[in-house]
PDB file of N, CA and C in Angstrom:
ATOM      1  N   MET A   1     108.991  73.849 105.723  1.00  0.00           N
ATOM      2  CA  MET A   1     108.088  74.971 104.904  1.00  0.00           C
ATOM      3  C   MET A   1     108.827  74.593 103.465  1.00  0.00           C
ATOM      4  N   GLN A   2     107.663  74.944 102.806  1.00  0.00           N
ATOM      5  CA  GLN A   2     108.205  74.911 101.211  1.00  0.00           C
ATOM      6  C   GLN A   2     108.194  76.049 100.877  1.00  0.00           C
ATOM      7  N   GLU A   3     108.692  76.391  99.404  1.00  0.00           N
ATOM      8  CA  GLU A   3     108.849  77.310  98.981  1.00  0.00           C
ATOM      9  C   GLU A   3     108.507  77.194  97.765  1.00  0.00           C
ATOM     10  N   LYS A   4     107.948  78.097  96.810  1.00  0.00           N
ATOM     11  CA  LYS A   4     107.151  77.905  95.724  1.00  0.00           C
ATOM     12  C   LYS A   4     107.968  79.744  95.078  1.00  0.00           C
ATOM     13  N   THR A   5     108.300  79.362  93.299  1.00  0.00           N
ATOM     14  CA  THR A   5     108.539  79.877  93.072  1.00  0.00           C
ATOM     15  C   THR A   5     107.210  80.827  91.754  1.00  0.00           C
ATOM     16  N   ILE A   6     107.588  81.570  90.852  1.00  0.00           N
ATOM     17  CA  ILE A   6     106.455  82.260  90.136  1.00  0.00           C
ATOM     18  C   ILE A   6     106.086  80.810  88.995  1.00  0.00           C
ATOM     19  N   ALA A   7     107.247  79.949  89.051  1.00  0.00           N
ATOM     20  CA  ALA A   7     107.318  79.003  87.745  1.00  0.00           C
ATOM     21  C   ALA A   7     106.003  77.989  88.791  1.00  0.00           C
ATOM     22  N   GLY A   8     106.218  78.427  89.476  1.00  0.00           N
ATOM     23  CA  GLY A   8     105.554  77.151  90.738  1.00  0.00           C
ATOM     24  C   GLY A   8     106.366  75.946  91.138  1.00  0.00           C
ATOM     25  N   LYS A   9     107.169  75.840  90.692  1.00  0.00           N
ATOM     26  CA  LYS A   9     108.125  74.725  91.068  1.00  0.00           C
ATOM     27  C   LYS A   9     108.774  74.426  92.745  1.00  0.00           C
ATOM     28  N   PRO A  10     108.086  73.550  93.364  1.00  0.00           N
ATOM     29  CA  PRO A  10     108.459  74.027  94.853  1.00  0.00           C
ATOM     30  C   PRO A  10     109.656  73.427  95.220  1.00  0.00           C
ATOM     31  N   GLY A  11     110.525  73.945  96.356  1.00  0.00           N
ATOM     32  CA  GLY A  11     111.659  74.179  97.138  1.00  0.00           C
ATOM     33  C   GLY A  11     111.665  73.090  97.440  1.00  0.00           C
ATOM     34  N   SER A  12     110.771  72.653  97.700  1.00  0.00           N
ATOM     35  CA  SER A  12     111.482  70.880  98.780  1.00  0.00           C
ATOM     36  C   SER A  12     110.481  70.166  98.074  1.00  0.00           C
ATOM     37  N   SER A  13     110.995  68.769  98.238  1.00  0.00           N
ATOM     38  CA  SER A  13     109.780  67.608  97.802  1.00  0.00           C
ATOM     39  C   SER A  13     108.898  67.380  99.167  1.00  0.00           C
ATOM     40  N   LYS A  14     108.706  67.620  99.993  1.00  0.00           N
ATOM     41  CA  LYS A  14     107.514  67.502 100.796  1.00  0.00           C
ATOM     42  C   LYS A  14     106.535  68.389 100.420  1.00  0.00           C
ATOM     43  N   LYS A  15     105.287  67.283 100.406  1.00  0.00           N
ATOM     44  CA  LYS A  15     103.869  68.002 100.046  1.00  0.00           C
ATOM     45  C   LYS A  15     103.030  67.777 101.160  1.00  0.00           C
ATOM     46  N   SER A  16     102.820  68.858 101.720  1.00  0.00           N
ATOM     47  CA  SER A  16     101.844  68.618 102.928  1.00  0.00           C
ATOM     48  C   SER A  16     100.586  69.861 103.532  1.00  0.00           C
ATOM     49  N   LEU A  17      99.772  69.525 103.196  1.00  0.00           N
ATOM     50  CA  LEU A  17      98.614  70.641 103.222  1.00  0.00           C
ATOM     51  C   LEU A  17      98.277  70.956 105.086  1.00  0.00           C
ATOM     52  N   ASP A  18      99.227  70.618 105.688  1.00  0.00           N
ATOM     53  CA  ASP A  18      99.961  71.253 106.888  1.00  0.00           C
ATOM     54  C   ASP A  18     100.788  71.916 107.536  1.00  0.00           C
ATOM     55  N   GLU A  19     101.526  71.914 106.225  1.00  0.00           N
ATOM     56  CA  GLU A  19     103.295  73.067 106.477  1.00  0.00           C
ATOM     57  C   GLU A  19     102.424  74.418 105.837  1.00  0.00           C
ATOM     58  N   LYS A  20     103.468  75.360 106.451  1.00  0.00           N
ATOM     59  CA  LYS A  20     103.337  76.680 105.942  1.00  0.00           C
ATOM     60  C   LYS A  20     104.406  76.970 104.066  1.00  0.00           C
ATOM     61  N   THR A  21     103.936  77.676 103.490  1.00  0.00           N
ATOM     62  CA  THR A  21     104.466  77.642 102.009  1.00  0.00           C
ATOM     63  C   THR A  21     104.710  79.038 102.216  1.00  0.00           C
ATOM     64  N   THR A  22     105.894  79.276 101.721  1.00  0.00           N
ATOM     65  CA  THR A  22     106.020  80.797 101.026  1.00  0.00           C
ATOM     66  C   THR A  22     106.174  80.962  99.599  1.00  0.00           C
ATOM     67  N   TYR A  23     105.555  81.639  99.297  1.00  0.00           N
ATOM     68  CA  TYR A  23     105.175  82.162  97.552  1.00  0.00           C
ATOM     69  C   TYR A  23     106.419  83.608  97.466  1.00  0.00           C
ATOM     70  N   ARG A  24     107.241  83.186  96.164  1.00  0.00           N
ATOM     71  CA  ARG A  24     107.884  84.629  96.019  1.00  0.00           C
ATOM     72  C   ARG A  24     107.368  85.132  94.420  1.00  0.00           C
ATOM     73  N   PHE A  25     107.053  85.995  94.713  1.00  0.00           N
ATOM     74  CA  PHE A  25     106.779  86.882  93.433  1.00  0.00           C
ATOM     75  C   PHE A  25     107.325  88.582  93.387  1.00  0.00           C
ATOM     76  N   GLY A  26     108.433  88.149  91.927  1.00  0.00           N
ATOM     77  CA  GLY A  26     109.669  89.223  91.913  1.00  0.00           C
ATOM     78  C   GLY A  26     110.039  89.348  93.583  1.00  0.00           C
ATOM     79  N   ASN A  27     109.732  90.586  94.343  1.00  0.00           N
ATOM     80  CA  ASN A  27     111.002  90.964  95.478  1.00  0.00           C
ATOM     81  C   ASN A  27     110.034  90.481  96.631  1.00  0.00           C
ATOM     82  N   ARG A  28     108.556  90.435  96.260  1.00  0.00           N
ATOM     83  CA  ARG A  28     108.006  89.886  97.307  1.00  0.00           C
ATOM     84  C   ARG A  28     107.814  88.292  97.848  1.00  0.00           C
ATOM     85  N   SER A  29     107.440  88.393  98.965  1.00  0.00           N
ATOM     86  CA  SER A  29     107.408  86.621  99.625  1.00  0.00           C
ATOM     87  C   SER A  29     106.358  86.954 100.241  1.00  0.00           C
ATOM     88  N   PHE A  30     105.376  86.174 100.115  1.00  0.00           N
ATOM     89  CA  PHE A  30     103.969  85.692 100.838  1.00  0.00           C
ATOM     90  C   PHE A  30     104.143  84.285 101.772  1.00  0.00           C
ATOM     91  N   VAL A  31     103.885  83.872 103.165  1.00  0.00           N
ATOM     92  CA  VAL A  31     103.855  82.909 103.615  1.00  0.00           C
ATOM     93  C   VAL A  31     102.480  82.544 103.967  1.00  0.00           C
ATOM     94  N   VAL A  32     102.179  81.501 103.165  1.00  0.00           N
ATOM     95  CA  VAL A  32     100.597  80.972 103.427  1.00  0.00           C
ATOM     96  C   VAL A  32     100.978  79.528 104.700  1.00  0.00           C
ATOM     97  N   GLU A  33      99.583  80.231 105.419  1.00  0.00           N
ATOM     98  CA  GLU A  33      99.863  79.100 106.669  1.00  0.00           C
ATOM     99  C   GLU A  33      98.483  78.398 106.662  1.00  0.00           C
ATOM    100  N   PRO A  34      98.546  77.339 106.371  1.00  0.00           N
ATOM    101  CA  PRO A  34      96.893  76.524 106.235  1.00  0.00           C
ATOM    102  C   PRO A  34      96.457  76.902 107.610  1.00  0.00           C
ATOM    103  N   VAL A  35      94.684  77.212 107.338  1.00  0.00           N
ATOM    104  CA  VAL A  35      93.886  77.408 108.127  1.00  0.00           C
ATOM    105  C   VAL A  35      92.388  76.416 107.419  1.00  0.00           C
ATOM    106  N   PHE A  36      92.543  75.710 106.545  1.00  0.00           N
ATOM    107  CA  PHE A  36      91.243  75.560 105.881  1.00  0.00           C
ATOM    108  C   PHE A  36      91.204  73.812 106.568  1.00  0.00           C
ATOM    109  N   ARG A  37      89.589  73.891 106.823  1.00  0.00           N
ATOM    110  CA  ARG A  37      89.409  72.428 107.848  1.00  0.00           C
ATOM    111  C   ARG A  37      88.397  71.384 106.956  1.00  0.00           C
ATOM    112  N   GLN A  38      89.400  70.663 107.020  1.00  0.00           N
ATOM    113  CA  GLN A  38      88.902  69.577 106.017  1.00  0.00           C
ATOM    114  C   GLN A  38      87.470  68.789 107.076  1.00  0.00           C
ATOM    115  N   ASP A  39      87.267  68.803 107.839  1.00  0.00           N
ATOM    116  CA  ASP A  39      85.635  68.606 107.589  1.00  0.00           C
ATOM    117  C   ASP A  39      84.846  69.677 108.268  1.00  0.00           C
ATOM    118  N   GLY A  40      85.372  70.792 107.654  1.00  0.00           N
ATOM    119  CA  GLY A  40      84.154  72.021 107.575  1.00  0.00           C
ATOM    120  C   GLY A  40      83.187  71.524 106.220  1.00  0.00           C
ATOM    121  N   PRO A  41      81.880  72.614 106.086  1.00  0.00           N
ATOM    122  CA  PRO A  41      81.222  72.335 104.857  1.00  0.00           C
ATOM    123  C   PRO A  41      81.696  72.802 104.154  1.00  0.00           C
ATOM    124  N   ASP A  42      82.581  73.876 103.644  1.00  0.00           N
ATOM    125  CA  ASP A  42      83.126  74.256 102.258  1.00  0.00           C
ATOM    126  C   ASP A  42      83.766  73.727 102.102  1.00  0.00           C
ATOM    127  N   THR A  43      84.105  73.374 100.343  1.00  0.00           N
ATOM    128  CA  THR A  43      85.413  72.687  99.826  1.00  0.00           C
ATOM    129  C   THR A  43      86.329  73.653  99.653  1.00  0.00           C
ATOM    130  N   LEU A  44      87.449  73.425  99.169  1.00  0.00           N
ATOM    131  CA  LEU A  44      88.445  74.597  98.598  1.00  0.00           C
ATOM    132  C   LEU A  44      87.771  75.112  97.594  1.00  0.00           C
ATOM    133  N   GLY A  45      87.189  74.563  96.507  1.00  0.00           N
ATOM    134  CA  GLY A  45      87.204  75.303  95.494  1.00  0.00           C
ATOM    135  C   GLY A  45      85.892  76.560  95.759  1.00  0.00           C
ATOM    136  N   SER A  46      85.048  75.966  96.918  1.00  0.00           N
ATOM    137  CA  SER A  46      83.717  76.674  96.855  1.00  0.00           C
ATOM    138  C   SER A  46      84.507  78.444  97.909  1.00  0.00           C
ATOM    139  N   ILE A  47      85.851  77.899  98.483  1.00  0.00           N
ATOM    140  CA  ILE A  47      86.425  79.332  99.116  1.00  0.00           C
ATOM    141  C   ILE A  47      86.721  79.892  98.125  1.00  0.00           C
ATOM    142  N   LEU A  48      87.583  79.155  97.291  1.00  0.00           N
ATOM    143  CA  LEU A  48      88.290  80.027  96.002  1.00  0.00           C
ATOM    144  C   LEU A  48      87.410  80.774  95.193  1.00  0.00           C
ATOM    145  N   LEU A  49      85.971  80.275  94.653  1.00  0.00           N
ATOM    146  CA  LEU A  49      85.280  81.032  94.025  1.00  0.00           C
ATOM    147  C   LEU A  49      84.714  82.128  94.753  1.00  0.00           C
ATOM    148  N   ARG A  50      84.213  81.914  95.904  1.00  0.00           N
ATOM    149  CA  ARG A  50      83.396  83.276  96.926  1.00  0.00           C
ATOM    150  C   ARG A  50      84.807  83.902  96.761  1.00  0.00           C
ATOM    151  N   LEU A  51      85.900  84.186  96.997  1.00  0.00           N
ATOM    152  CA  LEU A  51      87.398  84.989  97.012  1.00  0.00           C
ATOM    153  C   LEU A  51      87.308  85.724  95.810  1.00  0.00           C
ATOM    154  N   MET A  52      87.413  85.437  94.782  1.00  0.00           N
ATOM    155  CA  MET A  52      87.497  85.279  93.234  1.00  0.00           C
ATOM    156  C   MET A  52      86.157  86.306  93.019  1.00  0.00           C
ATOM    157  N   LYS A  53      84.448  85.669  93.641  1.00  0.00           N
ATOM    158  CA  LYS A  53      83.689  87.046  93.455  1.00  0.00           C
ATOM    159  C   LYS A  53      83.647  87.993  94.064  1.00  0.00           C
ATOM    160  N   SER A  54      84.279  88.013  95.584  1.00  0.00           N
ATOM    161  CA  SER A  54      84.737  89.103  96.034  1.00  0.00           C
ATOM    162  C   SER A  54      85.349  90.207  95.751  1.00  0.00           C
ATOM    163  N   GLU A  55      86.746  89.530  94.697  1.00  0.00           N
ATOM    164  CA  GLU A  55      87.359  90.471  94.082  1.00  0.00           C
ATOM    165  C   GLU A  55      86.893  91.097  93.376  1.00  0.00           C
ATOM    166  N   SER A  56      86.143  90.544  92.445  1.00  0.00           N
ATOM    167  CA  SER A  56      85.631  91.180  91.022  1.00  0.00           C
ATOM    168  C   SER A  56      84.483  92.198  91.461  1.00  0.00           C
ATOM    169  N   GLU A  57      84.030  92.184  92.415  1.00  0.00           N
ATOM    170  CA  GLU A  57      82.937  93.023  92.748  1.00  0.00           C
ATOM    171  C   GLU A  57      83.677  94.002  93.584  1.00  0.00           C
ATOM    172  N   ALA A  58      84.553  94.130  94.149  1.00  0.00           N
ATOM    173  CA  ALA A  58      85.079  94.968  94.649  1.00  0.00           C
ATOM    174  C   ALA A  58      85.996  96.740  94.011  1.00  0.00           C
ATOM    175  N   LYS A  59      85.989  95.699  92.460  1.00  0.00           N
ATOM    176  CA  LYS A  59      86.383  96.899  91.373  1.00  0.00           C
ATOM    177  C   LYS A  59      85.744  97.691  90.928  1.00  0.00           C
TER     178      LYS A  59
END
């Protein structure tokens, strides 16, 4: 499992899109497990754009 801090420095030297990653922000930790399908119709950029748009419309 990889670990990232606020500065974005990885806690381990392994970098794989198939591994769980833990992000720490202050006193909170978020474990991210990849579910992105490489052969799917959406790109990572289009998914992020859709998430940002839905977040801005929710407010």
